[in-house]
C-alpha atoms as a PDB file:
ATOM      1  CA  MET A   1     111.683  49.179  12.330  1.00  0.00           C
ATOM      2  CA  TYR A   2     111.430  51.091  15.561  1.00  0.00           C
ATOM      3  CA  GLN A   3     112.368  54.346  13.969  1.00  0.00           C
ATOM      4  CA  PHE A   4     110.313  53.704  10.868  1.00  0.00           C
ATOM      5  CA  VAL A   5     107.046  52.955  12.566  1.00  0.00           C
ATOM      6  CA  PHE A   6     107.293  55.213  15.644  1.00  0.00           C
ATOM      7  CA  ASP A   7     109.629  58.088  15.195  1.00  0.00           C
ATOM      8  CA  SER A   8     112.622  58.158  17.586  1.00  0.00           C
ATOM      9  CA  GLU A   9     111.888  61.684  18.775  1.00  0.00           C
ATOM     10  CA  SER A  10     109.401  60.521  21.365  1.00  0.00           C
ATOM     11  CA  ALA A  11     109.155  62.025  24.818  1.00  0.00           C
ATOM     12  CA  ASN A  12     108.266  60.153  27.992  1.00  0.00           C
ATOM     13  CA  VAL A  13     105.264  61.306  29.958  1.00  0.00           C
ATOM     14  CA  LEU A  14     104.183  60.547  33.518  1.00  0.00           C
ATOM     15  CA  GLY A  15     107.397  58.840  34.623  1.00  0.00           C
ATOM     16  CA  GLY A  16     107.817  56.832  31.413  1.00  0.00           C
ATOM     17  CA  TYR A  17     104.396  55.086  31.596  1.00  0.00           C
ATOM     18  CA  PHE A  18     103.244  56.996  28.474  1.00  0.00           C
ATOM     19  CA  ALA A  19     105.006  58.470  25.421  1.00  0.00           C
ATOM     20  CA  SER A  20     104.363  61.278  23.014  1.00  0.00           C
ATOM     21  CA  SER A  21     105.508  61.589  19.386  1.00  0.00           C
ATOM     22  CA  ARG A  22     104.219  62.655  16.007  1.00  0.00           C
ATOM     23  CA  THR A  23     103.063  59.205  15.039  1.00  0.00           C
ATOM     24  CA  ILE A  24     101.235  58.750  18.369  1.00  0.00           C
ATOM     25  CA  THR A  25      99.583  62.098  17.903  1.00  0.00           C
ATOM     26  CA  LEU A  26      98.435  61.092  14.394  1.00  0.00           C
ATOM     27  CA  LEU A  27      96.933  57.841  15.729  1.00  0.00           C
ATOM     28  CA  LYS A  28      95.077  59.782  18.439  1.00  0.00           C
ATOM     29  CA  LEU A  29      93.694  62.154  15.845  1.00  0.00           C
ATOM     30  CA  MET A  30      92.507  59.212  13.681  1.00  0.00           C
ATOM     31  CA  THR A  31      90.928  57.631  16.773  1.00  0.00           C
ATOM     32  CA  LEU A  32      89.097  60.863  17.774  1.00  0.00           C
ATOM     33  CA  ILE A  33      87.831  61.525  14.251  1.00  0.00           C
ATOM     34  CA  SER A  34      86.555  57.938  13.779  1.00  0.00           C
ATOM     35  CA  ALA A  35      84.888  58.058  17.277  1.00  0.00           C
ATOM     36  CA  LEU A  36      83.205  61.323  16.316  1.00  0.00           C
ATOM     37  CA  PHE A  37      82.033  59.740  13.098  1.00  0.00           C
ATOM     38  CA  VAL A  38      80.482  56.850  15.049  1.00  0.00           C
ATOM     39  CA  LEU A  39      78.739  59.310  17.418  1.00  0.00           C
ATOM     40  CA  ASP A  40      77.365  61.226  14.457  1.00  0.00           C
ATOM     41  CA  ALA A  41      76.140  57.944  12.878  1.00  0.00           C
ATOM     42  CA  SER A  42      74.467  56.993  16.150  1.00  0.00           C
ATOM     43  CA  GLU A  43      71.905  59.854  16.023  1.00  0.00           C
ATOM     44  CA  ILE A  44      69.021  57.707  14.776  1.00  0.00           C
ATOM     45  CA  PHE A  45      69.895  54.852  17.104  1.00  0.00           C
ATOM     46  CA  MET A  46      70.027  57.127  20.182  1.00  0.00           C
ATOM     47  CA  ARG A  47      66.606  58.561  19.280  1.00  0.00           C
ATOM     48  CA  GLN A  48      65.164  55.047  19.139  1.00  0.00           C
ATOM     49  CA  HIS A  49      66.656  54.283  22.599  1.00  0.00           C
ATOM     50  CA  SER A  50      66.091  57.601  24.396  1.00  0.00           C
ATOM     51  CA  ARG A  51      65.492  55.881  27.761  1.00  0.00           C
ATOM     52  CA  HIS A  52      69.270  55.743  28.328  1.00  0.00           C
ATOM     53  CA  LEU A  53      70.163  58.650  26.074  1.00  0.00           C
ATOM     54  CA  LEU A  54      72.928  60.145  28.308  1.00  0.00           C
ATOM     55  CA  GLU A  55      74.752  56.923  29.002  1.00  0.00           C
ATOM     56  CA  TYR A  56      75.568  56.099  25.398  1.00  0.00           C
ATOM     57  CA  PRO A  57      77.751  59.174  24.575  1.00  0.00           C
ATOM     58  CA  ILE A  58      79.367  58.974  27.964  1.00  0.00           C
ATOM     59  CA  MET A  59      80.413  55.348  27.470  1.00  0.00           C
ATOM     60  CA  VAL A  60      81.676  56.140  24.016  1.00  0.00           C
ATOM     61  CA  ALA A  61      83.730  59.033  25.484  1.00  0.00           C
ATOM     62  CA  LEU A  62      85.127  56.929  28.312  1.00  0.00           C
ATOM     63  CA  THR A  63      86.021  54.087  25.990  1.00  0.00           C
ATOM     64  CA  THR A  64      87.720  56.495  23.601  1.00  0.00           C
ATOM     65  CA  PHE A  65      89.661  57.968  26.507  1.00  0.00           C
ATOM     66  CA  PHE A  66      91.079  54.562  27.428  1.00  0.00           C
ATOM     67  CA  MET A  67      91.893  53.972  23.781  1.00  0.00           C
ATOM     68  CA  LEU A  68      93.857  57.200  23.622  1.00  0.00           C
ATOM     69  CA  LEU A  69      95.820  56.050  26.690  1.00  0.00           C
ATOM     70  CA  LEU A  70      96.504  52.732  24.984  1.00  0.00           C
ATOM     71  CA  VAL A  71      97.951  54.419  21.897  1.00  0.00           C
ATOM     72  CA  SER A  72     100.507  56.331  23.962  1.00  0.00           C
ATOM     73  CA  ALA A  73     101.262  53.554  26.488  1.00  0.00           C
ATOM     74  CA  ASN A  74     105.018  53.138  27.048  1.00  0.00           C
ATOM     75  CA  HIS A  75     104.912  50.559  29.840  1.00  0.00           C
ATOM     76  CA  ILE A  76     103.478  47.035  29.779  1.00  0.00           C
ATOM     77  CA  MET A  77     101.212  47.698  32.786  1.00  0.00           C
ATOM     78  CA  SER A  78      99.774  50.887  31.336  1.00  0.00           C
ATOM     79  CA  THR A  79      99.162  48.986  28.114  1.00  0.00           C
ATOM     80  CA  PHE A  80      97.317  46.247  29.969  1.00  0.00           C
ATOM     81  CA  LEU A  81      95.206  48.608  32.160  1.00  0.00           C
ATOM     82  CA  SER A  82      94.224  50.619  29.039  1.00  0.00           C
ATOM     83  CA  LEU A  83      93.230  47.418  27.214  1.00  0.00           C
ATOM     84  CA  VAL A  84      91.063  46.341  30.137  1.00  0.00           C
ATOM     85  CA  GLY A  85      89.500  49.764  30.444  1.00  0.00           C
ATOM     86  CA  PHE A  86      88.293  50.094  26.890  1.00  0.00           C
ATOM     87  CA  SER A  87      87.232  46.350  26.755  1.00  0.00           C
ATOM     88  CA  LEU A  88      84.847  46.950  29.745  1.00  0.00           C
ATOM     89  CA  GLY A  89      83.484  50.010  27.883  1.00  0.00           C
ATOM     90  CA  LEU A  90      82.831  47.911  24.789  1.00  0.00           C
ATOM     91  CA  TYR A  91      81.071  45.339  26.875  1.00  0.00           C
ATOM     92  CA  VAL A  92      78.612  47.998  28.193  1.00  0.00           C
ATOM     93  CA  LEU A  93      78.066  49.360  24.727  1.00  0.00           C
ATOM     94  CA  ILE A  94      77.297  45.882  23.323  1.00  0.00           C
ATOM     95  CA  LEU A  95      74.665  45.419  26.064  1.00  0.00           C
ATOM     96  CA  TYR A  96      73.184  48.933  25.420  1.00  0.00           C
ATOM     97  CA  ASP A  97      70.181  47.265  23.693  1.00  0.00           C
ATOM     98  CA  ALA A  98      69.927  44.484  26.290  1.00  0.00           C
ATOM     99  CA  ASN A  99      66.244  43.886  25.606  1.00  0.00           C
ATOM    100  CA  ARG A 100      67.308  42.043  22.510  1.00  0.00           C
ATOM    101  CA  ARG A 101      68.458  38.436  23.047  1.00  0.00           C
ATOM    102  CA  PRO A 102      71.202  38.659  20.356  1.00  0.00           C
ATOM    103  CA  SER A 103      72.612  41.682  22.204  1.00  0.00           C
ATOM    104  CA  ARG A 104      72.736  39.819  25.535  1.00  0.00           C
ATOM    105  CA  GLU A 105      74.414  36.823  23.883  1.00  0.00           C
ATOM    106  CA  ALA A 106      76.947  39.009  22.098  1.00  0.00           C
ATOM    107  CA  GLY A 107      77.708  40.796  25.358  1.00  0.00           C
ATOM    108  CA  LEU A 108      78.284  37.595  27.288  1.00  0.00           C
ATOM    109  CA  LYS A 109      80.401  36.049  24.504  1.00  0.00           C
ATOM    110  CA  TYR A 110      82.585  39.164  24.245  1.00  0.00           C
ATOM    111  CA  TYR A 111      82.933  39.461  28.035  1.00  0.00           C
ATOM    112  CA  TYR A 112      84.134  35.878  28.533  1.00  0.00           C
ATOM    113  CA  LEU A 113      86.426  35.755  25.550  1.00  0.00           C
ATOM    114  CA  SER A 114      87.791  39.231  26.214  1.00  0.00           C
ATOM    115  CA  THR A 115      88.517  38.248  29.789  1.00  0.00           C
ATOM    116  CA  LEU A 116      90.309  35.119  28.591  1.00  0.00           C
ATOM    117  CA  SER A 117      92.414  37.069  26.076  1.00  0.00           C
ATOM    118  CA  SER A 118      93.255  39.723  28.665  1.00  0.00           C
ATOM    119  CA  GLY A 119      94.381  36.906  31.018  1.00  0.00           C
ATOM    120  CA  PHE A 120      96.811  35.724  28.292  1.00  0.00           C
ATOM    121  CA  ILE A 121      98.239  39.214  27.980  1.00  0.00           C
ATOM    122  CA  LEU A 122      98.456  39.715  31.713  1.00  0.00           C
ATOM    123  CA  TYR A 123     100.306  36.385  32.244  1.00  0.00           C
ATOM    124  CA  GLY A 124     102.690  37.214  29.453  1.00  0.00           C
ATOM    125  CA  ILE A 125     103.333  40.626  30.958  1.00  0.00           C
ATOM    126  CA  LEU A 126     103.951  39.171  34.450  1.00  0.00           C
ATOM    127  CA  LEU A 127     106.497  36.733  32.999  1.00  0.00           C
ATOM    128  CA  ILE A 128     108.343  39.551  31.279  1.00  0.00           C
ATOM    129  CA  TYR A 129     108.323  41.759  34.361  1.00  0.00           C
ATOM    130  CA  THR A 130     109.392  38.892  36.637  1.00  0.00           C
ATOM    131  CA  LEU A 131     112.328  37.988  34.395  1.00  0.00           C
ATOM    132  CA  THR A 132     113.493  41.425  33.509  1.00  0.00           C
ATOM    133  CA  GLY A 133     112.465  43.594  36.453  1.00  0.00           C
ATOM    134  CA  THR A 134     111.172  46.370  34.284  1.00  0.00           C
ATOM    135  CA  GLY A 135     108.098  47.132  32.174  1.00  0.00           C
ATOM    136  CA  ASN A 136     109.260  50.236  30.363  1.00  0.00           C
ATOM    137  CA  TYR A 137     109.348  49.806  26.551  1.00  0.00           C
ATOM    138  CA  ASP A 138     112.694  51.510  26.104  1.00  0.00           C
ATOM    139  CA  GLU A 139     114.376  49.643  28.910  1.00  0.00           C
ATOM    140  CA  LEU A 140     113.004  46.351  27.648  1.00  0.00           C
ATOM    141  CA  PHE A 141     114.317  47.113  24.134  1.00  0.00           C
ATOM    142  CA  LEU A 142     117.833  47.729  25.558  1.00  0.00           C
ATOM    143  CA  LEU A 143     117.761  44.616  27.697  1.00  0.00           C
ATOM    144  CA  PHE A 144     116.606  42.366  24.868  1.00  0.00           C
ATOM    145  CA  ASN A 145     119.005  43.995  22.356  1.00  0.00           C
ATOM    146  CA  THR A 146     122.147  43.784  24.555  1.00  0.00           C
ATOM    147  CA  LYS A 147     121.750  40.651  26.573  1.00  0.00           C
ATOM    148  CA  VAL A 148     121.633  37.587  24.339  1.00  0.00           C
ATOM    149  CA  HIS A 149     120.545  35.194  27.091  1.00  0.00           C
ATOM    150  CA  PHE A 150     117.174  36.969  27.241  1.00  0.00           C
ATOM    151  CA  GLN A 151     116.582  36.168  23.530  1.00  0.00           C
ATOM    152  CA  GLU A 152     117.089  32.485  24.243  1.00  0.00           C
ATOM    153  CA  ASN A 153     114.924  32.320  27.361  1.00  0.00           C
ATOM    154  CA  LEU A 154     112.069  29.851  26.956  1.00  0.00           C
ATOM    155  CA  LEU A 155     109.789  31.677  29.446  1.00  0.00           C
ATOM    156  CA  LEU A 156     110.198  34.914  27.537  1.00  0.00           C
ATOM    157  CA  ARG A 157     109.286  33.225  24.299  1.00  0.00           C
ATOM    158  CA  THR A 158     106.215  31.768  26.044  1.00  0.00           C
ATOM    159  CA  ALA A 159     105.284  35.311  27.208  1.00  0.00           C
ATOM    160  CA  LEU A 160     105.666  36.513  23.648  1.00  0.00           C
ATOM    161  CA  LEU A 161     103.269  33.831  22.380  1.00  0.00           C
ATOM    162  CA  LEU A 162     100.730  34.620  25.129  1.00  0.00           C
ATOM    163  CA  ILE A 163     100.762  38.336  24.344  1.00  0.00           C
ATOM    164  CA  LEU A 164     100.441  37.540  20.634  1.00  0.00           C
ATOM    165  CA  ALA A 165      97.374  35.347  21.313  1.00  0.00           C
ATOM    166  CA  GLY A 166      95.726  38.068  23.352  1.00  0.00           C
ATOM    167  CA  PHE A 167      96.322  40.706  20.693  1.00  0.00           C
ATOM    168  CA  PHE A 168      95.064  38.409  17.917  1.00  0.00           C
ATOM    169  CA  PHE A 169      91.769  38.160  19.755  1.00  0.00           C
ATOM    170  CA  LYS A 170      91.557  41.925  20.154  1.00  0.00           C
ATOM    171  CA  LEU A 171      92.310  42.383  16.446  1.00  0.00           C
ATOM    172  CA  SER A 172      89.854  39.639  15.363  1.00  0.00           C
ATOM    173  CA  ALA A 173      92.799  38.025  13.615  1.00  0.00           C
ATOM    174  CA  PHE A 174      93.216  34.301  12.999  1.00  0.00           C
ATOM    175  CA  PRO A 175      92.953  32.220  15.089  1.00  0.00           C
ATOM    176  CA  GLY A 176      91.155  34.609  17.427  1.00  0.00           C
ATOM    177  CA  HIS A 177      88.504  35.726  14.932  1.00  0.00           C
ATOM    178  CA  LEU A 178      85.696  33.254  15.580  1.00  0.00           C
ATOM    179  CA  TRP A 179      83.936  35.508  18.136  1.00  0.00           C
ATOM    180  CA  ALA A 180      83.719  38.470  15.764  1.00  0.00           C
ATOM    181  CA  ALA A 181      80.761  37.435  13.549  1.00  0.00           C
ATOM    182  CA  ASP A 182      78.363  36.728  16.490  1.00  0.00           C
ATOM    183  CA  VAL A 183      79.442  39.805  18.476  1.00  0.00           C
ATOM    184  CA  TYR A 184      79.149  42.137  15.500  1.00  0.00           C
ATOM    185  CA  GLU A 185      75.748  40.678  14.532  1.00  0.00           C
ATOM    186  CA  GLY A 186      74.337  41.013  18.047  1.00  0.00           C
ATOM    187  CA  SER A 187      75.710  44.466  18.799  1.00  0.00           C
ATOM    188  CA  PRO A 188      73.857  47.694  17.876  1.00  0.00           C
ATOM    189  CA  ALA A 189      74.923  48.951  14.395  1.00  0.00           C
ATOM    190  CA  PRO A 190      76.801  51.990  15.735  1.00  0.00           C
ATOM    191  CA  VAL A 191      78.699  49.766  18.185  1.00  0.00           C
ATOM    192  CA  THR A 192      79.727  47.491  15.372  1.00  0.00           C
ATOM    193  CA  ALA A 193      80.997  50.560  13.512  1.00  0.00           C
ATOM    194  CA  PHE A 194      82.935  51.450  16.681  1.00  0.00           C
ATOM    195  CA  PHE A 195      84.518  48.006  16.654  1.00  0.00           C
ATOM    196  CA  MET A 196      85.474  48.356  12.993  1.00  0.00           C
ATOM    197  CA  LEU A 197      86.924  51.872  13.125  1.00  0.00           C
ATOM    198  CA  PRO A 198      88.570  53.342  16.243  1.00  0.00           C
ATOM    199  CA  VAL A 199      88.983  50.046  18.129  1.00  0.00           C
ATOM    200  CA  LYS A 200      90.931  48.412  15.219  1.00  0.00           C
ATOM    201  CA  ILE A 201      93.030  51.582  14.717  1.00  0.00           C
ATOM    202  CA  VAL A 202      94.020  51.679  18.410  1.00  0.00           C
ATOM    203  CA  VAL A 203      94.703  48.055  19.005  1.00  0.00           C
ATOM    204  CA  LEU A 204      96.699  47.662  15.787  1.00  0.00           C
ATOM    205  CA  GLY A 205      98.730  50.804  16.778  1.00  0.00           C
ATOM    206  CA  ALA A 206      99.421  49.404  20.269  1.00  0.00           C
ATOM    207  CA  PHE A 207     100.315  46.039  18.785  1.00  0.00           C
ATOM    208  CA  ILE A 208     102.815  47.535  16.367  1.00  0.00           C
ATOM    209  CA  ARG A 209     104.291  49.776  19.029  1.00  0.00           C
ATOM    210  CA  LEU A 210     104.705  46.956  21.518  1.00  0.00           C
ATOM    211  CA  PHE A 211     106.372  44.609  19.063  1.00  0.00           C
ATOM    212  CA  SER A 212     108.431  47.247  17.220  1.00  0.00           C
ATOM    213  CA  VAL A 213     109.754  48.944  20.342  1.00  0.00           C
ATOM    214  CA  ALA A 214     109.726  46.836  23.529  1.00  0.00           C
ATOM    215  CA  LEU A 215     109.786  43.329  22.117  1.00  0.00           C
ATOM    216  CA  ALA A 216     111.467  43.853  18.774  1.00  0.00           C
ATOM    217  CA  PRO A 217     114.804  42.089  19.562  1.00  0.00           C
ATOM    218  CA  LEU A 218     112.933  39.170  21.203  1.00  0.00           C
ATOM    219  CA  ALA A 219     110.463  38.788  18.272  1.00  0.00           C
ATOM    220  CA  ALA A 220     113.267  39.002  15.688  1.00  0.00           C
ATOM    221  CA  SER A 221     115.533  36.415  17.306  1.00  0.00           C
END
């Protein structure tokens, strides 16, 4: 599965914290194109909210930057920091039209639930790093693939479940989907489109990369 989803000819970047490959480049292009599409669709919305005209495209650009980092993350800590970075950007974008009560409610709901899901992921990451001593995807794959006692470790399985729960929230997948309707309804229309296009592409790509590279032997056992 590792070679099928993310080609094996990947190169490590910045000391192994990030990776580069043809598949990762394709995901980045899809993310950039969808983010540009959202910006283009935001023209009318930006004209109606010209008081903070400059902040909107800047926040979209910063959030997209963190999403590009997430796609190419090759270390569990760079994955987590990228997730937190773009989640904070989304929180600001949801509250862009803060004069509306639904927007404020959506922002608070997303902030609290996103913080909770990020806490699940962080705790799972800490368990993995404490038990293995590494966070690099390739090193984790080798450890889990060659040392059978890791596959039978209860704490590692708990870490796997915690990370799964956090990603299910980010993907609006069952059972972490209940927040989506209220947040989408209260967010500005272009921000909802941002949730539906680039965010889902990036989070799904990061999810598949994490579980088909680093945690593949642990998930399959």
